[in-house]
Amino acid sequence: MITYAAFTPLLDSIARNVAAAGAEVWAVGGPASITGVPAAQYKPLAFAYDSVWSRDYGPFGIDEATGDLAITDTTYRHYLTRTGDDAIPCEVAGYAGAACYHTKLILDGGNIMSDGQGNVFVTRRIYTWNSTLTEAEVDQLLHDYLGAKTIHKLAYATTSKGAPADGTGHIDMFAKILKPCTVIVAQTTNATFKPALEAAATYFAGLECAPQRTYEVLRVPGYYTGGTWYTYTNSLLVNDHVLVPSYKNGNDAGAQKVYQQALPGYTVAMMPSDDIIKLGGSVHCVTKEIPATPR
């Protein structure tokens, strides 16, 4: 799912690559058609919306006990001012004919990552958002609504005043699980970001991901310049394609090589992201996966 609120050239490119990967493109506020996207794979959705950040407010697809699709609707952090965005998960559920389960848990989708085996990774920013709840209550909601069995809590880079240095404090700004037992973590010499990134890399390297096996940790460069954190971990996996941010002054070739080596046989598509990253997000932040419904 993408939302056509801004950055249309990037969204069009994402849509074409998602379609090429064999998936459907669901576009909130999208145009009647997108060049390069077959009509059979394109679903424009006429829902109200407020922003482009569909990762953060979008639906979490879950399996019912029957194997049918259902939607978990967490509370969007900006629910008071972006009411259209906050309502979209249940709108999507209605469109898909799925049940929608709302929870008071405040959670930006960019700050949760799962290995599909019950291990859920977040940064401690989630507990700041849910300051009216205890840490145990937040963890219980993650268990009840998102199937978390073990919750891994990582630090994030902060400014001298304690604010997120990347503007979000989201885990997708510095880490991404690519496949079972393989994770990429951003790497930098910047003094503000380096401690949290090295701690994350060390944590994954010592974490058991399968019996008697720990994570293989791959590193990709990250850059902080002009008040912006440029990261290559903010990517999207769709079937056998991976869509990766690219930057005019970055190390695109190095990042592409890491992805290609980690995912042999995948198509690695680089998505120009110089404009959007200045607002604290990129490819992952403007997309949200919805599991295929049974046919």
C-alpha atoms as a PDB file:
ATOM      1  CA  MET A   1       0.000   0.000   0.000  1.00  0.00           C
ATOM      2  CA  ILE A   2       1.174   3.496  -0.851  1.00  0.00           C
ATOM      3  CA  THR A   3      -0.504   6.874  -0.372  1.00  0.00           C
ATOM      4  CA  TYR A   4      -0.331   9.521  -3.080  1.00  0.00           C
ATOM      5  CA  ALA A   5       0.094  12.510  -0.789  1.00  0.00           C
ATOM      6  CA  ALA A   6       3.530  13.615  -2.056  1.00  0.00           C
ATOM      7  CA  PHE A   7       6.689  12.498  -3.909  1.00  0.00           C
ATOM      8  CA  THR A   8       4.749  11.183  -6.894  1.00  0.00           C
ATOM      9  CA  PRO A   9       7.801  10.241  -9.046  1.00  0.00           C
ATOM     10  CA  LEU A  10       9.154   8.048  -6.226  1.00  0.00           C
ATOM     11  CA  LEU A  11       5.766   6.426  -5.633  1.00  0.00           C
ATOM     12  CA  ASP A  12       5.318   5.761  -9.364  1.00  0.00           C
ATOM     13  CA  SER A  13       8.730   4.063  -9.453  1.00  0.00           C
ATOM     14  CA  ILE A  14       7.903   2.000  -6.375  1.00  0.00           C
ATOM     15  CA  ALA A  15       4.582   0.980  -7.914  1.00  0.00           C
ATOM     16  CA  ARG A  16       6.213  -0.197 -11.145  1.00  0.00           C
ATOM     17  CA  ASN A  17       8.796  -2.253  -9.272  1.00  0.00           C
ATOM     18  CA  VAL A  18       6.203  -3.770  -6.938  1.00  0.00           C
ATOM     19  CA  ALA A  19       4.135  -4.793  -9.960  1.00  0.00           C
ATOM     20  CA  ALA A  20       7.231  -6.235 -11.644  1.00  0.00           C
ATOM     21  CA  ALA A  21       7.736  -8.351  -8.519  1.00  0.00           C
ATOM     22  CA  GLY A  22       4.306  -9.882  -9.110  1.00  0.00           C
ATOM     23  CA  ALA A  23       2.446  -8.093  -6.312  1.00  0.00           C
ATOM     24  CA  GLU A  24      -0.609  -5.866  -6.428  1.00  0.00           C
ATOM     25  CA  VAL A  25      -0.312  -2.115  -5.916  1.00  0.00           C
ATOM     26  CA  TRP A  26      -2.910  -0.630  -3.573  1.00  0.00           C
ATOM     27  CA  ALA A  27      -2.758   3.161  -3.823  1.00  0.00           C
ATOM     28  CA  VAL A  28      -4.700   5.390  -1.443  1.00  0.00           C
ATOM     29  CA  GLY A  29      -5.586   8.528  -3.372  1.00  0.00           C
ATOM     30  CA  GLY A  30      -3.817   7.083  -6.389  1.00  0.00           C
ATOM     31  CA  PRO A  31      -4.373   8.116 -10.021  1.00  0.00           C
ATOM     32  CA  ALA A  32      -6.672   6.181 -12.324  1.00  0.00           C
ATOM     33  CA  SER A  33      -3.661   4.330 -13.707  1.00  0.00           C
ATOM     34  CA  ILE A  34       0.128   4.268 -13.443  1.00  0.00           C
ATOM     35  CA  THR A  35       2.309   3.797 -16.502  1.00  0.00           C
ATOM     36  CA  GLY A  36       4.045   0.436 -16.282  1.00  0.00           C
ATOM     37  CA  VAL A  37       1.589  -1.045 -13.787  1.00  0.00           C
ATOM     38  CA  PRO A  38      -0.853  -3.551 -15.341  1.00  0.00           C
ATOM     39  CA  ALA A  39      -4.488  -2.686 -14.630  1.00  0.00           C
ATOM     40  CA  ALA A  40      -5.065  -6.135 -13.138  1.00  0.00           C
ATOM     41  CA  GLN A  41      -2.443  -5.437 -10.480  1.00  0.00           C
ATOM     42  CA  TYR A  42      -3.527  -1.900  -9.626  1.00  0.00           C
ATOM     43  CA  LYS A  43      -6.120  -0.976  -6.980  1.00  0.00           C
ATOM     44  CA  PRO A  44      -6.729   2.769  -6.428  1.00  0.00           C
ATOM     45  CA  LEU A  45      -8.417   3.372  -3.070  1.00  0.00           C
ATOM     46  CA  ALA A  46     -10.552   6.452  -2.476  1.00  0.00           C
ATOM     47  CA  PHE A  47      -9.915   6.868   1.268  1.00  0.00           C
ATOM     48  CA  ALA A  48      -9.311  10.111   3.131  1.00  0.00           C
ATOM     49  CA  TYR A  49      -5.657  10.633   4.043  1.00  0.00           C
ATOM     50  CA  ASP A  50      -3.307  13.251   5.458  1.00  0.00           C
ATOM     51  CA  SER A  51       0.270  12.215   4.716  1.00  0.00           C
ATOM     52  CA  VAL A  52       2.506   9.973   2.616  1.00  0.00           C
ATOM     53  CA  TRP A  53       3.867   7.905   5.545  1.00  0.00           C
ATOM     54  CA  SER A  54       1.806   4.763   5.031  1.00  0.00           C
ATOM     55  CA  ARG A  55       4.351   2.595   6.874  1.00  0.00           C
ATOM     56  CA  ASP A  56       3.596   4.348  10.124  1.00  0.00           C
ATOM     57  CA  TYR A  57      -0.193   4.448  10.029  1.00  0.00           C
ATOM     58  CA  GLY A  58      -0.903   1.562   7.662  1.00  0.00           C
ATOM     59  CA  PRO A  59      -2.535  -1.799   8.437  1.00  0.00           C
ATOM     60  CA  PHE A  60      -0.774  -4.760  10.009  1.00  0.00           C
ATOM     61  CA  GLY A  61      -1.911  -7.878   8.176  1.00  0.00           C
ATOM     62  CA  ILE A  62      -2.381 -10.912  10.410  1.00  0.00           C
ATOM     63  CA  ASP A  63      -3.753 -14.431  10.006  1.00  0.00           C
ATOM     64  CA  GLU A  64      -7.023 -15.400  11.623  1.00  0.00           C
ATOM     65  CA  ALA A  65      -7.259 -18.851  13.203  1.00  0.00           C
ATOM     66  CA  THR A  66      -9.075 -19.841  10.010  1.00  0.00           C
ATOM     67  CA  GLY A  67      -6.141 -18.725   7.861  1.00  0.00           C
ATOM     68  CA  ASP A  68      -8.050 -15.694   6.573  1.00  0.00           C
ATOM     69  CA  LEU A  69      -6.610 -12.185   6.434  1.00  0.00           C
ATOM     70  CA  ALA A  70      -7.324  -9.830   9.336  1.00  0.00           C
ATOM     71  CA  ILE A  71      -6.033  -6.357  10.134  1.00  0.00           C
ATOM     72  CA  THR A  72      -4.578  -4.988  13.345  1.00  0.00           C
ATOM     73  CA  ASP A  73      -5.130  -1.235  13.656  1.00  0.00           C
ATOM     74  CA  THR A  74      -2.643   0.319  16.055  1.00  0.00           C
ATOM     75  CA  THR A  75      -3.093   3.927  17.111  1.00  0.00           C
ATOM     76  CA  TYR A  76      -1.142   6.297  14.890  1.00  0.00           C
ATOM     77  CA  ARG A  77       1.157   8.610  16.839  1.00  0.00           C
ATOM     78  CA  HIS A  78      -0.405  11.629  15.079  1.00  0.00           C
ATOM     79  CA  TYR A  79      -3.981  10.415  15.580  1.00  0.00           C
ATOM     80  CA  LEU A  80      -5.183  13.777  16.903  1.00  0.00           C
ATOM     81  CA  THR A  81      -4.108  15.768  13.837  1.00  0.00           C
ATOM     82  CA  ARG A  82      -4.082  13.146  11.052  1.00  0.00           C
ATOM     83  CA  THR A  83      -7.461  11.527  11.498  1.00  0.00           C
ATOM     84  CA  GLY A  84      -7.654  10.354   7.892  1.00  0.00           C
ATOM     85  CA  ASP A  85      -4.363   8.487   8.183  1.00  0.00           C
ATOM     86  CA  ASP A  86      -5.352   6.915  11.491  1.00  0.00           C
ATOM     87  CA  ALA A  87      -8.585   5.538   9.990  1.00  0.00           C
ATOM     88  CA  ILE A  88      -6.947   3.870   6.965  1.00  0.00           C
ATOM     89  CA  PRO A  89      -6.211   0.412   8.476  1.00  0.00           C
ATOM     90  CA  CYS A  90      -9.880  -0.333   9.076  1.00  0.00           C
ATOM     91  CA  GLU A  91     -10.769   1.212   5.703  1.00  0.00           C
ATOM     92  CA  VAL A  92      -8.364  -1.271   4.100  1.00  0.00           C
ATOM     93  CA  ALA A  93      -9.896  -4.085   6.138  1.00  0.00           C
ATOM     94  CA  GLY A  94     -13.332  -3.164   4.817  1.00  0.00           C
ATOM     95  CA  TYR A  95     -12.052  -3.130   1.247  1.00  0.00           C
ATOM     96  CA  ALA A  96     -10.403  -6.530   1.705  1.00  0.00           C
ATOM     97  CA  GLY A  97     -13.376  -8.056   3.519  1.00  0.00           C
ATOM     98  CA  ALA A  98     -11.255  -8.627   6.629  1.00  0.00           C
ATOM     99  CA  ALA A  99     -11.868  -8.117  10.332  1.00  0.00           C
ATOM    100  CA  CYS A 100     -10.215  -5.059  11.888  1.00  0.00           C
ATOM    101  CA  TYR A 101      -8.938  -5.155  15.457  1.00  0.00           C
ATOM    102  CA  HIS A 102      -8.135  -1.787  17.042  1.00  0.00           C
ATOM    103  CA  THR A 103      -5.682  -1.371  19.885  1.00  0.00           C
ATOM    104  CA  LYS A 104      -4.786   1.663  21.982  1.00  0.00           C
ATOM    105  CA  LEU A 105      -1.108   0.821  21.502  1.00  0.00           C
ATOM    106  CA  ILE A 106       0.612   3.787  19.842  1.00  0.00           C
ATOM    107  CA  LEU A 107       2.998   2.384  17.267  1.00  0.00           C
ATOM    108  CA  ASP A 108       4.597   3.766  14.136  1.00  0.00           C
ATOM    109  CA  GLY A 109       5.043   0.896  11.682  1.00  0.00           C
ATOM    110  CA  GLY A 110       8.593   2.012  10.974  1.00  0.00           C
ATOM    111  CA  ASN A 111       9.531   1.048  14.506  1.00  0.00           C
ATOM    112  CA  ILE A 112       8.723  -2.648  14.453  1.00  0.00           C
ATOM    113  CA  MET A 113      10.556  -5.463  12.708  1.00  0.00           C
ATOM    114  CA  SER A 114       9.826  -9.188  12.925  1.00  0.00           C
ATOM    115  CA  ASP A 115      11.624 -12.356  11.917  1.00  0.00           C
ATOM    116  CA  GLY A 116       8.320 -14.160  11.371  1.00  0.00           C
ATOM    117  CA  GLN A 117       9.073 -16.515  14.249  1.00  0.00           C
ATOM    118  CA  GLY A 118       7.701 -14.403  17.088  1.00  0.00           C
ATOM    119  CA  ASN A 119      10.817 -12.283  17.612  1.00  0.00           C
ATOM    120  CA  VAL A 120       9.868  -8.614  17.416  1.00  0.00           C
ATOM    121  CA  PHE A 121      12.419  -5.813  17.334  1.00  0.00           C
ATOM    122  CA  VAL A 122      11.658  -2.222  18.346  1.00  0.00           C
ATOM    123  CA  THR A 123      13.565   0.772  19.622  1.00  0.00           C
ATOM    124  CA  ARG A 124      12.819   2.131  23.056  1.00  0.00           C
ATOM    125  CA  ARG A 125      11.048   5.032  21.398  1.00  0.00           C
ATOM    126  CA  ILE A 126       7.849   2.980  21.587  1.00  0.00           C
ATOM    127  CA  TYR A 127       7.789   3.347  25.369  1.00  0.00           C
ATOM    128  CA  THR A 128       8.070   7.131  25.086  1.00  0.00           C
ATOM    129  CA  TRP A 129       5.002   7.227  22.832  1.00  0.00           C
ATOM    130  CA  ASN A 130       3.058   5.045  25.269  1.00  0.00           C
ATOM    131  CA  SER A 131       4.077   6.915  28.403  1.00  0.00           C
ATOM    132  CA  THR A 132       0.672   6.372  30.023  1.00  0.00           C
ATOM    133  CA  LEU A 133       1.325   2.620  30.014  1.00  0.00           C
ATOM    134  CA  THR A 134       3.962   0.616  31.808  1.00  0.00           C
ATOM    135  CA  GLU A 135       6.634  -1.138  29.770  1.00  0.00           C
ATOM    136  CA  ALA A 136       5.012  -4.461  30.666  1.00  0.00           C
ATOM    137  CA  GLU A 137       1.621  -3.217  29.424  1.00  0.00           C
ATOM    138  CA  VAL A 138       3.137  -2.144  26.098  1.00  0.00           C
ATOM    139  CA  ASP A 139       4.812  -5.536  25.754  1.00  0.00           C
ATOM    140  CA  GLN A 140       1.537  -7.296  26.493  1.00  0.00           C
ATOM    141  CA  LEU A 141      -0.231  -5.354  23.738  1.00  0.00           C
ATOM    142  CA  LEU A 142       2.540  -6.294  21.300  1.00  0.00           C
ATOM    143  CA  HIS A 143       1.961  -9.903  22.298  1.00  0.00           C
ATOM    144  CA  ASP A 144      -1.838  -9.745  22.116  1.00  0.00           C
ATOM    145  CA  TYR A 145      -2.239  -7.844  18.846  1.00  0.00           C
ATOM    146  CA  LEU A 146       0.962  -8.555  16.891  1.00  0.00           C
ATOM    147  CA  GLY A 147       1.943 -12.014  18.057  1.00  0.00           C
ATOM    148  CA  ALA A 148       5.196 -10.985  19.716  1.00  0.00           C
ATOM    149  CA  LYS A 149       6.745 -13.838  21.688  1.00  0.00           C
ATOM    150  CA  THR A 150      10.086 -12.212  22.469  1.00  0.00           C
ATOM    151  CA  ILE A 151      10.559  -8.442  22.283  1.00  0.00           C
ATOM    152  CA  HIS A 152      14.037  -7.131  21.547  1.00  0.00           C
ATOM    153  CA  LYS A 153      14.510  -3.508  22.615  1.00  0.00           C
ATOM    154  CA  LEU A 154      17.255  -1.504  20.916  1.00  0.00           C
ATOM    155  CA  ALA A 155      18.670   1.936  21.587  1.00  0.00           C
ATOM    156  CA  TYR A 156      18.451   4.683  18.967  1.00  0.00           C
ATOM    157  CA  ALA A 157      20.635   7.692  18.266  1.00  0.00           C
ATOM    158  CA  THR A 158      19.638  10.830  20.155  1.00  0.00           C
ATOM    159  CA  THR A 159      20.629  14.479  20.124  1.00  0.00           C
ATOM    160  CA  SER A 160      22.067  16.244  23.149  1.00  0.00           C
ATOM    161  CA  LYS A 161      18.499  17.138  24.094  1.00  0.00           C
ATOM    162  CA  GLY A 162      17.315  13.523  23.896  1.00  0.00           C
ATOM    163  CA  ALA A 163      15.366  13.795  20.631  1.00  0.00           C
ATOM    164  CA  PRO A 164      15.777  11.167  17.893  1.00  0.00           C
ATOM    165  CA  ALA A 165      18.801  12.217  15.845  1.00  0.00           C
ATOM    166  CA  ASP A 166      17.260  10.810  12.642  1.00  0.00           C
ATOM    167  CA  GLY A 167      13.951  12.553  13.329  1.00  0.00           C
ATOM    168  CA  THR A 168      12.026   9.371  14.134  1.00  0.00           C
ATOM    169  CA  GLY A 169      13.845   6.906  16.384  1.00  0.00           C
ATOM    170  CA  HIS A 170      12.521   4.115  14.162  1.00  0.00           C
ATOM    171  CA  ILE A 171      14.344   0.831  13.774  1.00  0.00           C
ATOM    172  CA  ASP A 172      13.974   0.901   9.981  1.00  0.00           C
ATOM    173  CA  MET A 173      16.333   3.868   9.883  1.00  0.00           C
ATOM    174  CA  PHE A 174      19.300   1.690  10.851  1.00  0.00           C
ATOM    175  CA  ALA A 175      18.471  -2.046  10.643  1.00  0.00           C
ATOM    176  CA  LYS A 176      16.639  -4.554   8.461  1.00  0.00           C
ATOM    177  CA  ILE A 177      16.279  -8.324   8.521  1.00  0.00           C
ATOM    178  CA  LEU A 178      16.786  -9.512   4.945  1.00  0.00           C
ATOM    179  CA  LYS A 179      16.194 -13.234   5.395  1.00  0.00           C
ATOM    180  CA  PRO A 180      16.353 -15.788   8.219  1.00  0.00           C
ATOM    181  CA  CYS A 181      19.553 -15.193  10.196  1.00  0.00           C
ATOM    182  CA  THR A 182      20.764 -12.272   8.044  1.00  0.00           C
ATOM    183  CA  VAL A 183      20.401  -8.621   9.049  1.00  0.00           C
ATOM    184  CA  ILE A 184      21.898  -5.403   7.736  1.00  0.00           C
ATOM    185  CA  VAL A 185      22.832  -2.614  10.126  1.00  0.00           C
ATOM    186  CA  ALA A 186      23.921   0.873   9.128  1.00  0.00           C
ATOM    187  CA  GLN A 187      27.495   1.892   9.850  1.00  0.00           C
ATOM    188  CA  THR A 188      28.948   5.361  10.339  1.00  0.00           C
ATOM    189  CA  THR A 189      31.769   7.255  11.983  1.00  0.00           C
ATOM    190  CA  ASN A 190      29.390  10.020  13.100  1.00  0.00           C
ATOM    191  CA  ALA A 191      29.704  10.341  16.866  1.00  0.00           C
ATOM    192  CA  THR A 192      25.969  10.827  17.415  1.00  0.00           C
ATOM    193  CA  PHE A 193      24.890   7.704  15.538  1.00  0.00           C
ATOM    194  CA  LYS A 194      27.830   5.344  15.987  1.00  0.00           C
ATOM    195  CA  PRO A 195      27.174   4.107  19.566  1.00  0.00           C
ATOM    196  CA  ALA A 196      23.586   2.975  18.880  1.00  0.00           C
ATOM    197  CA  LEU A 197      24.501   1.404  15.541  1.00  0.00           C
ATOM    198  CA  GLU A 198      27.461  -0.513  16.930  1.00  0.00           C
ATOM    199  CA  ALA A 199      25.359  -1.675  19.865  1.00  0.00           C
ATOM    200  CA  ALA A 200      22.711  -2.968  17.442  1.00  0.00           C
ATOM    201  CA  ALA A 201      25.291  -4.793  15.326  1.00  0.00           C
ATOM    202  CA  THR A 202      26.819  -6.394  18.420  1.00  0.00           C
ATOM    203  CA  TYR A 203      23.399  -7.383  19.722  1.00  0.00           C
ATOM    204  CA  PHE A 204      22.390  -9.151  16.507  1.00  0.00           C
ATOM    205  CA  ALA A 205      25.786 -10.839  16.178  1.00  0.00           C
ATOM    206  CA  GLY A 206      25.237 -12.491  19.551  1.00  0.00           C
ATOM    207  CA  LEU A 207      21.549 -13.295  19.103  1.00  0.00           C
ATOM    208  CA  GLU A 208      20.494 -16.849  18.361  1.00  0.00           C
ATOM    209  CA  CYS A 209      18.324 -16.926  15.238  1.00  0.00           C
ATOM    210  CA  ALA A 210      18.196 -20.707  14.854  1.00  0.00           C
ATOM    211  CA  PRO A 211      19.483 -23.601  16.966  1.00  0.00           C
ATOM    212  CA  GLN A 212      23.219 -23.035  17.512  1.00  0.00           C
ATOM    213  CA  ARG A 213      23.274 -20.204  14.970  1.00  0.00           C
ATOM    214  CA  THR A 214      23.511 -16.432  15.433  1.00  0.00           C
ATOM    215  CA  TYR A 215      22.748 -13.618  13.006  1.00  0.00           C
ATOM    216  CA  GLU A 216      25.054 -12.812  10.141  1.00  0.00           C
ATOM    217  CA  VAL A 217      25.407  -9.033  10.404  1.00  0.00           C
ATOM    218  CA  LEU A 218      26.097  -7.112   7.208  1.00  0.00           C
ATOM    219  CA  ARG A 219      26.958  -3.431   7.285  1.00  0.00           C
ATOM    220  CA  VAL A 220      25.934  -0.665   4.890  1.00  0.00           C
ATOM    221  CA  PRO A 221      27.141   2.934   5.120  1.00  0.00           C
ATOM    222  CA  GLY A 222      25.017   5.653   6.655  1.00  0.00           C
ATOM    223  CA  TYR A 223      25.673   9.379   6.415  1.00  0.00           C
ATOM    224  CA  TYR A 224      24.681  12.399   8.478  1.00  0.00           C
ATOM    225  CA  THR A 225      25.019  15.704   6.702  1.00  0.00           C
ATOM    226  CA  GLY A 226      23.069  18.943   6.593  1.00  0.00           C
ATOM    227  CA  GLY A 227      20.833  17.756   9.428  1.00  0.00           C
ATOM    228  CA  THR A 228      19.732  14.634   7.522  1.00  0.00           C
ATOM    229  CA  TRP A 229      20.462  10.956   8.211  1.00  0.00           C
ATOM    230  CA  TYR A 230      20.929   9.089   4.921  1.00  0.00           C
ATOM    231  CA  THR A 231      20.309   5.364   5.338  1.00  0.00           C
ATOM    232  CA  TYR A 232      20.185   2.364   3.011  1.00  0.00           C
ATOM    233  CA  THR A 233      18.303   0.151   5.459  1.00  0.00           C
ATOM    234  CA  ASN A 234      14.982   1.864   4.715  1.00  0.00           C
ATOM    235  CA  SER A 235      14.222  -0.638   1.955  1.00  0.00           C
ATOM    236  CA  LEU A 236      11.301  -2.812   0.860  1.00  0.00           C
ATOM    237  CA  LEU A 237      11.285  -6.549   0.110  1.00  0.00           C
ATOM    238  CA  VAL A 238       8.606  -7.730  -2.326  1.00  0.00           C
ATOM    239  CA  ASN A 239       8.820 -11.367  -3.428  1.00  0.00           C
ATOM    240  CA  ASP A 240      12.162 -11.619  -5.271  1.00  0.00           C
ATOM    241  CA  HIS A 241      12.717  -7.864  -5.550  1.00  0.00           C
ATOM    242  CA  VAL A 242      14.242  -5.425  -3.071  1.00  0.00           C
ATOM    243  CA  LEU A 243      13.755  -1.665  -3.452  1.00  0.00           C
ATOM    244  CA  VAL A 244      16.616   0.299  -1.918  1.00  0.00           C
ATOM    245  CA  PRO A 245      17.030   4.069  -1.401  1.00  0.00           C
ATOM    246  CA  SER A 246      19.686   5.792  -3.505  1.00  0.00           C
ATOM    247  CA  TYR A 247      21.389   9.144  -2.971  1.00  0.00           C
ATOM    248  CA  LYS A 248      23.353  11.329  -5.379  1.00  0.00           C
ATOM    249  CA  ASN A 249      26.222  11.776  -2.925  1.00  0.00           C
ATOM    250  CA  GLY A 250      26.011   8.386  -1.241  1.00  0.00           C
ATOM    251  CA  ASN A 251      27.600   5.004  -1.820  1.00  0.00           C
ATOM    252  CA  ASP A 252      24.860   3.437  -3.919  1.00  0.00           C
ATOM    253  CA  ALA A 253      27.168   0.899  -5.549  1.00  0.00           C
ATOM    254  CA  GLY A 254      28.384  -0.325  -2.171  1.00  0.00           C
ATOM    255  CA  ALA A 255      24.887  -0.642  -0.791  1.00  0.00           C
ATOM    256  CA  GLN A 256      23.619  -2.413  -3.907  1.00  0.00           C
ATOM    257  CA  LYS A 257      26.504  -4.885  -3.672  1.00  0.00           C
ATOM    258  CA  VAL A 258      25.659  -5.758  -0.059  1.00  0.00           C
ATOM    259  CA  TYR A 259      22.014  -6.403  -0.927  1.00  0.00           C
ATOM    260  CA  GLN A 260      22.914  -8.432  -4.000  1.00  0.00           C
ATOM    261  CA  GLN A 261      25.373 -10.614  -2.086  1.00  0.00           C
ATOM    262  CA  ALA A 262      22.877 -11.171   0.717  1.00  0.00           C
ATOM    263  CA  LEU A 263      20.000 -11.925  -1.669  1.00  0.00           C
ATOM    264  CA  PRO A 264      21.414 -13.748  -4.702  1.00  0.00           C
ATOM    265  CA  GLY A 265      18.897 -14.027  -7.512  1.00  0.00           C
ATOM    266  CA  TYR A 266      16.946 -10.976  -6.330  1.00  0.00           C
ATOM    267  CA  THR A 267      16.426  -7.888  -8.420  1.00  0.00           C
ATOM    268  CA  VAL A 268      17.912  -4.933  -6.521  1.00  0.00           C
ATOM    269  CA  ALA A 269      16.248  -1.700  -7.670  1.00  0.00           C
ATOM    270  CA  MET A 270      17.644   1.618  -6.485  1.00  0.00           C
ATOM    271  CA  MET A 271      15.040   4.298  -5.752  1.00  0.00           C
ATOM    272  CA  PRO A 272      16.159   7.982  -5.889  1.00  0.00           C
ATOM    273  CA  SER A 273      15.403   9.324  -2.409  1.00  0.00           C
ATOM    274  CA  ASP A 274      17.331  12.574  -1.967  1.00  0.00           C
ATOM    275  CA  ASP A 275      14.205  14.679  -1.482  1.00  0.00           C
ATOM    276  CA  ILE A 276      12.149  12.448   0.781  1.00  0.00           C
ATOM    277  CA  ILE A 277      14.962  11.420   3.125  1.00  0.00           C
ATOM    278  CA  LYS A 278      15.237  15.028   4.291  1.00  0.00           C
ATOM    279  CA  LEU A 279      11.854  14.508   5.967  1.00  0.00           C
ATOM    280  CA  GLY A 280      13.070  11.451   7.882  1.00  0.00           C
ATOM    281  CA  GLY A 281      12.091   8.505   5.698  1.00  0.00           C
ATOM    282  CA  SER A 282      12.434   6.746   2.377  1.00  0.00           C
ATOM    283  CA  VAL A 283      11.157   3.657   0.538  1.00  0.00           C
ATOM    284  CA  HIS A 284      10.160   1.611   3.573  1.00  0.00           C
ATOM    285  CA  CYS A 285       8.460   4.582   5.215  1.00  0.00           C
ATOM    286  CA  VAL A 286       6.033   5.168   2.323  1.00  0.00           C
ATOM    287  CA  THR A 287       5.013   1.545   1.775  1.00  0.00           C
ATOM    288  CA  LYS A 288       3.061  -1.040   3.782  1.00  0.00           C
ATOM    289  CA  GLU A 289       2.716  -4.709   2.929  1.00  0.00           C
ATOM    290  CA  ILE A 290      -0.691  -6.421   3.025  1.00  0.00           C
ATOM    291  CA  PRO A 291      -0.576 -10.236   2.890  1.00  0.00           C
ATOM    292  CA  ALA A 292      -2.289 -11.828  -0.069  1.00  0.00           C
ATOM    293  CA  THR A 293      -5.802 -12.977   0.759  1.00  0.00           C
ATOM    294  CA  PRO A 294      -6.740 -16.593   0.035  1.00  0.00           C
ATOM    295  CA  ARG A 295      -7.899 -17.074  -3.556  1.00  0.00           C
END
